[in-house]
Amino acid sequence: MANDLTPDEQRFDDLRKRQRFSSVTPRIDSILSRLMAKTGYSRVKAPNALDEIWADVAGPLVSATKTGNIRRGVLDVICKNSAVMQELTFQKQMVIQQLNAKLDGQKIKDLKLRVVDF
């Protein structure tokens, strides 16, 4: 069969056999997750969700506290005064259990409490 083809047809036939096809079109969920990670939207959304959960867990102390970042399982909590910090220290284990029950995918091991006037 190769003898029946002209040299040009043989080259085109050879190119057709070696042609590589691109993979299937990427899925929209993978594209969106990469876009959200690249733009930082997921990092913006996470603190807002944490603030809502903290408002449920902290109860009346929510007006005197602010949440910070979670690093290695430790949540930074800024307290308005030392009385609020002491109250949170007494309730620390209960607060951690409630946070872990409500947070998706993240586990809080400890709270880092600081007093800052805000």
PDB file of N, CA and C in Angstrom:
ATOM      1  N   MET A   1       0.827  -1.183   0.000  1.00  0.00           N
ATOM      2  CA  MET A   1       0.000   0.000   0.000  1.00  0.00           C
ATOM      3  C   MET A   1       0.867   1.240   0.000  1.00  0.00           C
ATOM      4  N   ALA A   2       1.989   1.209   0.720  1.00  0.00           N
ATOM      5  CA  ALA A   2       2.875   2.361   0.756  1.00  0.00           C
ATOM      6  C   ALA A   2       3.461   2.642  -0.624  1.00  0.00           C
ATOM      7  N   ASN A   3       3.568   1.593  -1.448  1.00  0.00           N
ATOM      8  CA  ASN A   3       4.119   1.783  -2.796  1.00  0.00           C
ATOM      9  C   ASN A   3       3.131   2.483  -3.707  1.00  0.00           C
ATOM     10  N   ASP A   4       1.839   2.405  -3.415  1.00  0.00           N
ATOM     11  CA  ASP A   4       0.819   3.019  -4.256  1.00  0.00           C
ATOM     12  C   ASP A   4       0.743   4.533  -4.052  1.00  0.00           C
ATOM     13  N   LEU A   5       1.298   5.027  -2.958  1.00  0.00           N
ATOM     14  CA  LEU A   5       1.194   6.447  -2.629  1.00  0.00           C
ATOM     15  C   LEU A   5       2.360   7.223  -3.218  1.00  0.00           C
ATOM     16  N   THR A   6       2.076   8.458  -3.593  1.00  0.00           N
ATOM     17  CA  THR A   6       3.137   9.344  -4.071  1.00  0.00           C
ATOM     18  C   THR A   6       3.957   9.794  -2.869  1.00  0.00           C
ATOM     19  N   PRO A   7       5.140  10.337  -3.081  1.00  0.00           N
ATOM     20  CA  PRO A   7       5.964  10.788  -1.949  1.00  0.00           C
ATOM     21  C   PRO A   7       5.254  11.823  -1.069  1.00  0.00           C
ATOM     22  N   ASP A   8       4.498  12.723  -1.689  1.00  0.00           N
ATOM     23  CA  ASP A   8       3.752  13.710  -0.897  1.00  0.00           C
ATOM     24  C   ASP A   8       2.678  13.035  -0.058  1.00  0.00           C
ATOM     25  N   GLU A   9       1.963  12.093  -0.628  1.00  0.00           N
ATOM     26  CA  GLU A   9       0.925  11.377   0.107  1.00  0.00           C
ATOM     27  C   GLU A   9       1.529  10.557   1.236  1.00  0.00           C
ATOM     28  N   GLN A  10       2.729  10.003   1.008  1.00  0.00           N
ATOM     29  CA  GLN A  10       3.404   9.238   2.049  1.00  0.00           C
ATOM     30  C   GLN A  10       3.756  10.139   3.248  1.00  0.00           C
ATOM     31  N   ARG A  11       4.233  11.358   2.933  1.00  0.00           N
ATOM     32  CA  ARG A  11       4.558  12.304   4.011  1.00  0.00           C
ATOM     33  C   ARG A  11       3.308  12.679   4.801  1.00  0.00           C
ATOM     34  N   PHE A  12       2.217  12.975   4.093  1.00  0.00           N
ATOM     35  CA  PHE A  12       0.980  13.329   4.781  1.00  0.00           C
ATOM     36  C   PHE A  12       0.438  12.156   5.601  1.00  0.00           C
ATOM     37  N   ASP A  13       0.541  10.967   5.062  1.00  0.00           N
ATOM     38  CA  ASP A  13       0.096   9.777   5.788  1.00  0.00           C
ATOM     39  C   ASP A  13       0.937   9.579   7.043  1.00  0.00           C
ATOM     40  N   ASP A  14       2.242   9.789   6.904  1.00  0.00           N
ATOM     41  CA  ASP A  14       3.139   9.671   8.056  1.00  0.00           C
ATOM     42  C   ASP A  14       2.814  10.732   9.108  1.00  0.00           C
ATOM     43  N   LEU A  15       2.549  11.963   8.685  1.00  0.00           N
ATOM     44  CA  LEU A  15       2.183  13.023   9.622  1.00  0.00           C
ATOM     45  C   LEU A  15       0.873  12.704  10.332  1.00  0.00           C
ATOM     46  N   ARG A  16      -0.093  12.161   9.598  1.00  0.00           N
ATOM     47  CA  ARG A  16      -1.369  11.791  10.207  1.00  0.00           C
ATOM     48  C   ARG A  16      -1.196  10.720  11.283  1.00  0.00           C
ATOM     49  N   LYS A  17      -0.314   9.779  11.049  1.00  0.00           N
ATOM     50  CA  LYS A  17      -0.077   8.720  12.022  1.00  0.00           C
ATOM     51  C   LYS A  17       0.625   9.254  13.267  1.00  0.00           C
ATOM     52  N   ARG A  18       1.483  10.243  13.099  1.00  0.00           N
ATOM     53  CA  ARG A  18       2.234  10.791  14.230  1.00  0.00           C
ATOM     54  C   ARG A  18       1.510  11.937  14.928  1.00  0.00           C
ATOM     55  N   GLN A  19       0.394  12.350  14.378  1.00  0.00           N
ATOM     56  CA  GLN A  19      -0.317  13.486  14.948  1.00  0.00           C
ATOM     57  C   GLN A  19      -0.793  13.167  16.355  1.00  0.00           C
ATOM     58  N   ARG A  20      -0.535  14.102  17.245  1.00  0.00           N
ATOM     59  CA  ARG A  20      -0.945  13.955  18.641  1.00  0.00           C
ATOM     60  C   ARG A  20      -2.193  14.806  18.852  1.00  0.00           C
ATOM     61  N   PHE A  21      -3.139  14.212  19.501  1.00  0.00           N
ATOM     62  CA  PHE A  21      -4.371  14.928  19.785  1.00  0.00           C
ATOM     63  C   PHE A  21      -4.317  15.473  21.196  1.00  0.00           C
ATOM     64  N   SER A  22      -4.892  16.638  21.372  1.00  0.00           N
ATOM     65  CA  SER A  22      -4.937  17.219  22.713  1.00  0.00           C
ATOM     66  C   SER A  22      -5.931  16.435  23.561  1.00  0.00           C
ATOM     67  N   SER A  23      -5.761  16.547  24.863  1.00  0.00           N
ATOM     68  CA  SER A  23      -6.638  15.829  25.782  1.00  0.00           C
ATOM     69  C   SER A  23      -8.050  16.408  25.738  1.00  0.00           C
ATOM     70  N   VAL A  24      -8.912  15.777  26.439  1.00  0.00           N
ATOM     71  CA  VAL A  24     -10.301  16.199  26.491  1.00  0.00           C
ATOM     72  C   VAL A  24     -10.385  17.585  27.125  1.00  0.00           C
ATOM     73  N   THR A  25     -11.411  18.310  26.796  1.00  0.00           N
ATOM     74  CA  THR A  25     -11.617  19.641  27.349  1.00  0.00           C
ATOM     75  C   THR A  25     -11.641  19.575  28.870  1.00  0.00           C
ATOM     76  N   PRO A  26     -10.930  20.486  29.553  1.00  0.00           N
ATOM     77  CA  PRO A  26     -10.903  20.432  31.023  1.00  0.00           C
ATOM     78  C   PRO A  26     -12.282  20.696  31.619  1.00  0.00           C
ATOM     79  N   ARG A  27     -12.527  20.095  32.777  1.00  0.00           N
ATOM     80  CA  ARG A  27     -13.816  20.250  33.448  1.00  0.00           C
ATOM     81  C   ARG A  27     -13.916  21.640  34.064  1.00  0.00           C
ATOM     82  N   ILE A  28     -15.140  22.136  34.124  1.00  0.00           N
ATOM     83  CA  ILE A  28     -15.367  23.497  34.628  1.00  0.00           C
ATOM     84  C   ILE A  28     -15.018  23.610  36.110  1.00  0.00           C
ATOM     85  N   ASP A  29     -15.220  22.530  36.893  1.00  0.00           N
ATOM     86  CA  ASP A  29     -14.908  22.617  38.319  1.00  0.00           C
ATOM     87  C   ASP A  29     -13.412  22.762  38.565  1.00  0.00           C
ATOM     88  N   SER A  30     -12.594  22.117  37.734  1.00  0.00           N
ATOM     89  CA  SER A  30     -11.146  22.279  37.906  1.00  0.00           C
ATOM     90  C   SER A  30     -10.695  23.676  37.480  1.00  0.00           C
ATOM     91  N   ILE A  31     -11.319  24.205  36.455  1.00  0.00           N
ATOM     92  CA  ILE A  31     -10.985  25.560  36.008  1.00  0.00           C
ATOM     93  C   ILE A  31     -11.360  26.579  37.084  1.00  0.00           C
ATOM     94  N   LEU A  32     -12.554  26.440  37.659  1.00  0.00           N
ATOM     95  CA  LEU A  32     -13.002  27.379  38.693  1.00  0.00           C
ATOM     96  C   LEU A  32     -12.172  27.281  39.962  1.00  0.00           C
ATOM     97  N   SER A  33     -11.803  26.067  40.364  1.00  0.00           N
ATOM     98  CA  SER A  33     -10.996  25.943  41.580  1.00  0.00           C
ATOM     99  C   SER A  33      -9.619  26.564  41.389  1.00  0.00           C
ATOM    100  N   ARG A  34      -9.027  26.394  40.206  1.00  0.00           N
ATOM    101  CA  ARG A  34      -7.731  27.044  39.945  1.00  0.00           C
ATOM    102  C   ARG A  34      -7.877  28.553  39.922  1.00  0.00           C
ATOM    103  N   LEU A  35      -8.958  29.048  39.330  1.00  0.00           N
ATOM    104  CA  LEU A  35      -9.203  30.488  39.269  1.00  0.00           C
ATOM    105  C   LEU A  35      -9.410  31.075  40.664  1.00  0.00           C
ATOM    106  N   MET A  36     -10.179  30.374  41.498  1.00  0.00           N
ATOM    107  CA  MET A  36     -10.417  30.862  42.859  1.00  0.00           C
ATOM    108  C   MET A  36      -9.126  30.862  43.673  1.00  0.00           C
ATOM    109  N   ALA A  37      -8.299  29.851  43.491  1.00  0.00           N
ATOM    110  CA  ALA A  37      -7.030  29.799  44.211  1.00  0.00           C
ATOM    111  C   ALA A  37      -6.083  30.891  43.720  1.00  0.00           C
ATOM    112  N   LYS A  38      -6.093  31.137  42.423  1.00  0.00           N
ATOM    113  CA  LYS A  38      -5.191  32.140  41.845  1.00  0.00           C
ATOM    114  C   LYS A  38      -5.586  33.554  42.253  1.00  0.00           C
ATOM    115  N   THR A  39      -6.885  33.837  42.282  1.00  0.00           N
ATOM    116  CA  THR A  39      -7.337  35.190  42.605  1.00  0.00           C
ATOM    117  C   THR A  39      -7.430  35.439  44.099  1.00  0.00           C
ATOM    118  N   GLY A  40      -7.411  34.368  44.890  1.00  0.00           N
ATOM    119  CA  GLY A  40      -7.473  34.539  46.334  1.00  0.00           C
ATOM    120  C   GLY A  40      -8.878  34.625  46.885  1.00  0.00           C
ATOM    121  N   TYR A  41      -9.879  34.320  46.072  1.00  0.00           N
ATOM    122  CA  TYR A  41     -11.265  34.406  46.535  1.00  0.00           C
ATOM    123  C   TYR A  41     -11.535  33.433  47.672  1.00  0.00           C
ATOM    124  N   SER A  42     -10.943  32.247  47.616  1.00  0.00           N
ATOM    125  CA  SER A  42     -11.191  31.258  48.670  1.00  0.00           C
ATOM    126  C   SER A  42     -10.640  31.735  50.004  1.00  0.00           C
ATOM    127  N   ARG A  43      -9.541  32.488  49.977  1.00  0.00           N
ATOM    128  CA  ARG A  43      -8.988  33.019  51.223  1.00  0.00           C
ATOM    129  C   ARG A  43      -9.850  34.143  51.776  1.00  0.00           C
ATOM    130  N   VAL A  44     -10.540  34.885  50.916  1.00  0.00           N
ATOM    131  CA  VAL A  44     -11.422  35.958  51.366  1.00  0.00           C
ATOM    132  C   VAL A  44     -12.701  35.370  51.946  1.00  0.00           C
ATOM    133  N   LYS A  45     -13.203  34.340  51.336  1.00  0.00           N
ATOM    134  CA  LYS A  45     -14.455  33.737  51.774  1.00  0.00           C
ATOM    135  C   LYS A  45     -14.286  33.027  53.112  1.00  0.00           C
ATOM    136  N   ALA A  46     -13.172  32.381  53.334  1.00  0.00           N
ATOM    137  CA  ALA A  46     -12.952  31.587  54.546  1.00  0.00           C
ATOM    138  C   ALA A  46     -13.030  32.425  55.830  1.00  0.00           C
ATOM    139  N   PRO A  47     -12.383  33.599  55.914  1.00  0.00           N
ATOM    140  CA  PRO A  47     -12.513  34.388  57.151  1.00  0.00           C
ATOM    141  C   PRO A  47     -13.945  34.840  57.426  1.00  0.00           C
ATOM    142  N   ASN A  48     -14.707  35.142  56.387  1.00  0.00           N
ATOM    143  CA  ASN A  48     -16.096  35.543  56.596  1.00  0.00           C
ATOM    144  C   ASN A  48     -16.901  34.398  57.197  1.00  0.00           C
ATOM    145  N   ALA A  49     -16.674  33.188  56.709  1.00  0.00           N
ATOM    146  CA  ALA A  49     -17.367  32.022  57.253  1.00  0.00           C
ATOM    147  C   ALA A  49     -16.925  31.785  58.695  1.00  0.00           C
ATOM    148  N   LEU A  50     -15.639  31.974  58.978  1.00  0.00           N
ATOM    149  CA  LEU A  50     -15.131  31.790  60.333  1.00  0.00           C
ATOM    150  C   LEU A  50     -15.736  32.820  61.279  1.00  0.00           C
ATOM    151  N   ASP A  51     -15.912  34.054  60.825  1.00  0.00           N
ATOM    152  CA  ASP A  51     -16.532  35.089  61.662  1.00  0.00           C
ATOM    153  C   ASP A  51     -17.979  34.724  62.019  1.00  0.00           C
ATOM    154  N   GLU A  52     -18.705  34.161  61.056  1.00  0.00           N
ATOM    155  CA  GLU A  52     -20.085  33.759  61.325  1.00  0.00           C
ATOM    156  C   GLU A  52     -20.136  32.623  62.341  1.00  0.00           C
ATOM    157  N   ILE A  53     -19.244  31.660  62.190  1.00  0.00           N
ATOM    158  CA  ILE A  53     -19.201  30.535  63.130  1.00  0.00           C
ATOM    159  C   ILE A  53     -18.773  31.025  64.509  1.00  0.00           C
ATOM    160  N   TRP A  54     -17.796  31.939  64.548  1.00  0.00           N
ATOM    161  CA  TRP A  54     -17.341  32.472  65.828  1.00  0.00           C
ATOM    162  C   TRP A  54     -18.473  33.210  66.540  1.00  0.00           C
ATOM    163  N   ALA A  55     -19.304  33.929  65.791  1.00  0.00           N
ATOM    164  CA  ALA A  55     -20.436  34.634  66.391  1.00  0.00           C
ATOM    165  C   ALA A  55     -21.400  33.653  67.058  1.00  0.00           C
ATOM    166  N   ASP A  56     -21.598  32.487  66.460  1.00  0.00           N
ATOM    167  CA  ASP A  56     -22.461  31.473  67.070  1.00  0.00           C
ATOM    168  C   ASP A  56     -21.828  30.870  68.312  1.00  0.00           C
ATOM    169  N   VAL A  57     -20.516  30.623  68.262  1.00  0.00           N
ATOM    170  CA  VAL A  57     -19.832  29.931  69.358  1.00  0.00           C
ATOM    171  C   VAL A  57     -19.558  30.868  70.531  1.00  0.00           C
ATOM    172  N   ALA A  58     -19.108  32.081  70.265  1.00  0.00           N
ATOM    173  CA  ALA A  58     -18.693  32.989  71.333  1.00  0.00           C
ATOM    174  C   ALA A  58     -19.882  33.584  72.100  1.00  0.00           C
ATOM    175  N   GLY A  59     -21.012  33.638  71.483  1.00  0.00           N
ATOM    176  CA  GLY A  59     -22.205  34.154  72.165  1.00  0.00           C
ATOM    177  C   GLY A  59     -22.068  35.624  72.531  1.00  0.00           C
ATOM    178  N   PRO A  60     -22.259  35.967  73.806  1.00  0.00           N
ATOM    179  CA  PRO A  60     -22.218  37.382  74.207  1.00  0.00           C
ATOM    180  C   PRO A  60     -20.813  37.994  74.150  1.00  0.00           C
ATOM    181  N   LEU A  61     -19.778  37.166  74.044  1.00  0.00           N
ATOM    182  CA  LEU A  61     -18.412  37.688  73.988  1.00  0.00           C
ATOM    183  C   LEU A  61     -18.002  38.118  72.579  1.00  0.00           C
ATOM    184  N   VAL A  62     -18.866  37.907  71.611  1.00  0.00           N
ATOM    185  CA  VAL A  62     -18.508  38.200  70.226  1.00  0.00           C
ATOM    186  C   VAL A  62     -18.226  39.685  69.999  1.00  0.00           C
ATOM    187  N   SER A  63     -18.897  40.565  70.739  1.00  0.00           N
ATOM    188  CA  SER A  63     -18.674  41.997  70.542  1.00  0.00           C
ATOM    189  C   SER A  63     -17.325  42.445  71.103  1.00  0.00           C
ATOM    190  N   ALA A  64     -16.747  41.637  71.995  1.00  0.00           N
ATOM    191  CA  ALA A  64     -15.462  42.001  72.607  1.00  0.00           C
ATOM    192  C   ALA A  64     -14.306  41.172  72.060  1.00  0.00           C
ATOM    193  N   THR A  65     -14.553  40.419  70.978  1.00  0.00           N
ATOM    194  CA  THR A  65     -13.490  39.583  70.400  1.00  0.00           C
ATOM    195  C   THR A  65     -13.498  39.687  68.882  1.00  0.00           C
ATOM    196  N   LYS A  66     -12.364  39.358  68.290  1.00  0.00           N
ATOM    197  CA  LYS A  66     -12.222  39.243  66.838  1.00  0.00           C
ATOM    198  C   LYS A  66     -11.369  38.019  66.553  1.00  0.00           C
ATOM    199  N   THR A  67     -11.706  37.314  65.478  1.00  0.00           N
ATOM    200  CA  THR A  67     -10.905  36.153  65.092  1.00  0.00           C
ATOM    201  C   THR A  67      -9.833  36.570  64.108  1.00  0.00           C
ATOM    202  N   GLY A  68      -8.728  35.846  64.167  1.00  0.00           N
ATOM    203  CA  GLY A  68      -7.628  36.082  63.237  1.00  0.00           C
ATOM    204  C   GLY A  68      -7.465  34.884  62.326  1.00  0.00           C
ATOM    205  N   ASN A  69      -6.230  34.538  62.038  1.00  0.00           N
ATOM    206  CA  ASN A  69      -5.930  33.423  61.154  1.00  0.00           C
ATOM    207  C   ASN A  69      -5.857  32.111  61.915  1.00  0.00           C
ATOM    208  N   ILE A  70      -5.958  31.030  61.158  1.00  0.00           N
ATOM    209  CA  ILE A  70      -5.733  29.699  61.710  1.00  0.00           C
ATOM    210  C   ILE A  70      -4.402  29.221  61.155  1.00  0.00           C
ATOM    211  N   ARG A  71      -3.454  28.988  62.050  1.00  0.00           N
ATOM    212  CA  ARG A  71      -2.131  28.497  61.639  1.00  0.00           C
ATOM    213  C   ARG A  71      -1.821  27.230  62.423  1.00  0.00           C
ATOM    214  N   ARG A  72      -1.614  26.151  61.692  1.00  0.00           N
ATOM    215  CA  ARG A  72      -1.274  24.863  62.305  1.00  0.00           C
ATOM    216  C   ARG A  72      -2.275  24.457  63.372  1.00  0.00           C
ATOM    217  N   GLY A  73      -3.533  24.741  63.136  1.00  0.00           N
ATOM    218  CA  GLY A  73      -4.577  24.337  64.056  1.00  0.00           C
ATOM    219  C   GLY A  73      -4.786  25.269  65.231  1.00  0.00           C
ATOM    220  N   VAL A  74      -4.118  26.409  65.237  1.00  0.00           N
ATOM    221  CA  VAL A  74      -4.253  27.370  66.339  1.00  0.00           C
ATOM    222  C   VAL A  74      -4.967  28.612  65.799  1.00  0.00           C
ATOM    223  N   LEU A  75      -6.103  28.921  66.413  1.00  0.00           N
ATOM    224  CA  LEU A  75      -6.888  30.087  66.017  1.00  0.00           C
ATOM    225  C   LEU A  75      -6.477  31.282  66.866  1.00  0.00           C
ATOM    226  N   ASP A  76      -6.106  32.382  66.202  1.00  0.00           N
ATOM    227  CA  ASP A  76      -5.785  33.627  66.906  1.00  0.00           C
ATOM    228  C   ASP A  76      -7.089  34.340  67.249  1.00  0.00           C
ATOM    229  N   VAL A  77      -7.238  34.702  68.504  1.00  0.00           N
ATOM    230  CA  VAL A  77      -8.422  35.450  68.954  1.00  0.00           C
ATOM    231  C   VAL A  77      -7.933  36.695  69.668  1.00  0.00           C
ATOM    232  N   ILE A  78      -8.416  37.841  69.210  1.00  0.00           N
ATOM    233  CA  ILE A  78      -8.054  39.116  69.817  1.00  0.00           C
ATOM    234  C   ILE A  78      -9.186  39.516  70.758  1.00  0.00           C
ATOM    235  N   CYS A  79      -8.831  39.794  71.993  1.00  0.00           N
ATOM    236  CA  CYS A  79      -9.814  40.158  73.025  1.00  0.00           C
ATOM    237  C   CYS A  79      -9.684  41.640  73.349  1.00  0.00           C
ATOM    238  N   LYS A  80     -10.796  42.250  73.710  1.00  0.00           N
ATOM    239  CA  LYS A  80     -10.809  43.675  74.013  1.00  0.00           C
ATOM    240  C   LYS A  80     -10.164  43.982  75.368  1.00  0.00           C
ATOM    241  N   ASN A  81     -10.318  43.082  76.342  1.00  0.00           N
ATOM    242  CA  ASN A  81      -9.718  43.311  77.655  1.00  0.00           C
ATOM    243  C   ASN A  81      -9.381  41.966  78.297  1.00  0.00           C
ATOM    244  N   SER A  82      -8.711  42.035  79.421  1.00  0.00           N
ATOM    245  CA  SER A  82      -8.235  40.811  80.062  1.00  0.00           C
ATOM    246  C   SER A  82      -9.367  39.990  80.683  1.00  0.00           C
ATOM    247  N   ALA A  83     -10.471  40.622  81.044  1.00  0.00           N
ATOM    248  CA  ALA A  83     -11.604  39.882  81.596  1.00  0.00           C
ATOM    249  C   ALA A  83     -12.211  38.954  80.540  1.00  0.00           C
ATOM    250  N   VAL A  84     -12.318  39.442  79.324  1.00  0.00           N
ATOM    251  CA  VAL A  84     -12.833  38.624  78.222  1.00  0.00           C
ATOM    252  C   VAL A  84     -11.862  37.485  77.923  1.00  0.00           C
ATOM    253  N   MET A  85     -10.573  37.801  77.954  1.00  0.00           N
ATOM    254  CA  MET A  85      -9.567  36.767  77.708  1.00  0.00           C
ATOM    255  C   MET A  85      -9.635  35.685  78.781  1.00  0.00           C
ATOM    256  N   GLN A  86      -9.816  36.061  80.019  1.00  0.00           N
ATOM    257  CA  GLN A  86      -9.896  35.088  81.103  1.00  0.00           C
ATOM    258  C   GLN A  86     -11.156  34.224  80.960  1.00  0.00           C
ATOM    259  N   GLU A  87     -12.262  34.822  80.584  1.00  0.00           N
ATOM    260  CA  GLU A  87     -13.495  34.062  80.392  1.00  0.00           C
ATOM    261  C   GLU A  87     -13.339  33.041  79.263  1.00  0.00           C
ATOM    262  N   LEU A  88     -12.691  33.454  78.186  1.00  0.00           N
ATOM    263  CA  LEU A  88     -12.438  32.514  77.089  1.00  0.00           C
ATOM    264  C   LEU A  88     -11.461  31.414  77.510  1.00  0.00           C
ATOM    265  N   THR A  89     -10.518  31.742  78.357  1.00  0.00           N
ATOM    266  CA  THR A  89      -9.589  30.726  78.861  1.00  0.00           C
ATOM    267  C   THR A  89     -10.343  29.663  79.645  1.00  0.00           C
ATOM    268  N   PHE A  90     -11.320  30.081  80.456  1.00  0.00           N
ATOM    269  CA  PHE A  90     -12.115  29.126  81.222  1.00  0.00           C
ATOM    270  C   PHE A  90     -12.963  28.237  80.307  1.00  0.00           C
ATOM    271  N   GLN A  91     -13.440  28.789  79.220  1.00  0.00           N
ATOM    272  CA  GLN A  91     -14.328  28.065  78.310  1.00  0.00           C
ATOM    273  C   GLN A  91     -13.607  27.493  77.092  1.00  0.00           C
ATOM    274  N   LYS A  92     -12.286  27.491  77.114  1.00  0.00           N
ATOM    275  CA  LYS A  92     -11.492  27.147  75.930  1.00  0.00           C
ATOM    276  C   LYS A  92     -11.851  25.784  75.334  1.00  0.00           C
ATOM    277  N   GLN A  93     -11.900  24.734  76.123  1.00  0.00           N
ATOM    278  CA  GLN A  93     -12.178  23.392  75.597  1.00  0.00           C
ATOM    279  C   GLN A  93     -13.570  23.306  74.972  1.00  0.00           C
ATOM    280  N   MET A  94     -14.545  23.911  75.604  1.00  0.00           N
ATOM    281  CA  MET A  94     -15.905  23.903  75.068  1.00  0.00           C
ATOM    282  C   MET A  94     -15.969  24.666  73.742  1.00  0.00           C
ATOM    283  N   VAL A  95     -15.280  25.805  73.677  1.00  0.00           N
ATOM    284  CA  VAL A  95     -15.264  26.616  72.457  1.00  0.00           C
ATOM    285  C   VAL A  95     -14.585  25.850  71.325  1.00  0.00           C
ATOM    286  N   ILE A  96     -13.480  25.174  71.619  1.00  0.00           N
ATOM    287  CA  ILE A  96     -12.767  24.402  70.598  1.00  0.00           C
ATOM    288  C   ILE A  96     -13.646  23.273  70.073  1.00  0.00           C
ATOM    289  N   GLN A  97     -14.344  22.585  70.956  1.00  0.00           N
ATOM    290  CA  GLN A  97     -15.238  21.503  70.531  1.00  0.00           C
ATOM    291  C   GLN A  97     -16.359  22.027  69.642  1.00  0.00           C
ATOM    292  N   GLN A  98     -16.933  23.156  69.994  1.00  0.00           N
ATOM    293  CA  GLN A  98     -18.011  23.729  69.180  1.00  0.00           C
ATOM    294  C   GLN A  98     -17.496  24.200  67.826  1.00  0.00           C
ATOM    295  N   LEU A  99     -16.306  24.795  67.808  1.00  0.00           N
ATOM    296  CA  LEU A  99     -15.718  25.230  66.531  1.00  0.00           C
ATOM    297  C   LEU A  99     -15.456  24.037  65.615  1.00  0.00           C
ATOM    298  N   ASN A 100     -14.890  22.982  66.164  1.00  0.00           N
ATOM    299  CA  ASN A 100     -14.591  21.801  65.346  1.00  0.00           C
ATOM    300  C   ASN A 100     -15.857  21.144  64.821  1.00  0.00           C
ATOM    301  N   ALA A 101     -16.940  21.220  65.574  1.00  0.00           N
ATOM    302  CA  ALA A 101     -18.204  20.654  65.117  1.00  0.00           C
ATOM    303  C   ALA A 101     -18.784  21.450  63.950  1.00  0.00           C
ATOM    304  N   LYS A 102     -18.511  22.754  63.910  1.00  0.00           N
ATOM    305  CA  LYS A 102     -19.114  23.611  62.881  1.00  0.00           C
ATOM    306  C   LYS A 102     -18.199  23.884  61.694  1.00  0.00           C
ATOM    307  N   LEU A 103     -16.881  23.753  61.864  1.00  0.00           N
ATOM    308  CA  LEU A 103     -15.950  24.030  60.767  1.00  0.00           C
ATOM    309  C   LEU A 103     -15.855  22.823  59.838  1.00  0.00           C
ATOM    310  N   ASP A 104     -15.809  23.089  58.555  1.00  0.00           N
ATOM    311  CA  ASP A 104     -15.655  22.025  57.567  1.00  0.00           C
ATOM    312  C   ASP A 104     -14.199  21.909  57.151  1.00  0.00           C
ATOM    313  N   GLY A 105     -13.609  20.763  57.383  1.00  0.00           N
ATOM    314  CA  GLY A 105     -12.262  20.494  56.886  1.00  0.00           C
ATOM    315  C   GLY A 105     -11.129  20.975  57.755  1.00  0.00           C
ATOM    316  N   GLN A 106     -11.349  21.926  58.644  1.00  0.00           N
ATOM    317  CA  GLN A 106     -10.285  22.433  59.500  1.00  0.00           C
ATOM    318  C   GLN A 106     -10.543  21.987  60.926  1.00  0.00           C
ATOM    319  N   LYS A 107      -9.473  21.657  61.616  1.00  0.00           N
ATOM    320  CA  LYS A 107      -9.586  21.273  63.019  1.00  0.00           C
ATOM    321  C   LYS A 107      -8.802  22.266  63.861  1.00  0.00           C
ATOM    322  N   ILE A 108      -9.439  22.781  64.883  1.00  0.00           N
ATOM    323  CA  ILE A 108      -8.805  23.707  65.813  1.00  0.00           C
ATOM    324  C   ILE A 108      -8.272  22.891  66.986  1.00  0.00           C
ATOM    325  N   LYS A 109      -6.979  23.049  67.258  1.00  0.00           N
ATOM    326  CA  LYS A 109      -6.366  22.353  68.386  1.00  0.00           C
ATOM    327  C   LYS A 109      -6.261  23.253  69.616  1.00  0.00           C
ATOM    328  N   ASP A 110      -6.111  24.564  69.375  1.00  0.00           N
ATOM    329  CA  ASP A 110      -5.892  25.479  70.491  1.00  0.00           C
ATOM    330  C   ASP A 110      -6.331  26.880  70.085  1.00  0.00           C
ATOM    331  N   LEU A 111      -6.516  27.730  71.067  1.00  0.00           N
ATOM    332  CA  LEU A 111      -6.800  29.143  70.846  1.00  0.00           C
ATOM    333  C   LEU A 111      -5.631  29.970  71.369  1.00  0.00           C
ATOM    334  N   LYS A 112      -5.193  30.917  70.579  1.00  0.00           N
ATOM    335  CA  LYS A 112      -4.150  31.851  71.024  1.00  0.00           C
ATOM    336  C   LYS A 112      -4.871  33.165  71.335  1.00  0.00           C
ATOM    337  N   LEU A 113      -4.944  33.483  72.601  1.00  0.00           N
ATOM    338  CA  LEU A 113      -5.692  34.657  73.059  1.00  0.00           C
ATOM    339  C   LEU A 113      -4.744  35.822  73.306  1.00  0.00           C
ATOM    340  N   ARG A 114      -5.103  36.989  72.796  1.00  0.00           N
ATOM    341  CA  ARG A 114      -4.298  38.206  73.007  1.00  0.00           C
ATOM    342  C   ARG A 114      -5.222  39.353  73.354  1.00  0.00           C
ATOM    343  N   VAL A 115      -4.717  40.276  74.148  1.00  0.00           N
ATOM    344  CA  VAL A 115      -5.473  41.478  74.481  1.00  0.00           C
ATOM    345  C   VAL A 115      -4.946  42.632  73.631  1.00  0.00           C
ATOM    346  N   VAL A 116      -5.849  43.191  72.850  1.00  0.00           N
ATOM    347  CA  VAL A 116      -5.538  44.352  71.993  1.00  0.00           C
ATOM    348  C   VAL A 116      -6.737  45.269  72.037  1.00  0.00           C
ATOM    349  N   ASP A 117      -6.523  46.533  72.249  1.00  0.00           N
ATOM    350  CA  ASP A 117      -7.625  47.483  72.261  1.00  0.00           C
ATOM    351  C   ASP A 117      -7.997  47.808  70.819  1.00  0.00           C
ATOM    352  N   PHE A 118      -9.204  47.468  70.432  1.00  0.00           N
ATOM    353  CA  PHE A 118      -9.642  47.759  69.057  1.00  0.00           C
ATOM    354  C   PHE A 118     -10.906  48.556  69.032  1.00  0.00           C
TER     355      PHE A 118
END
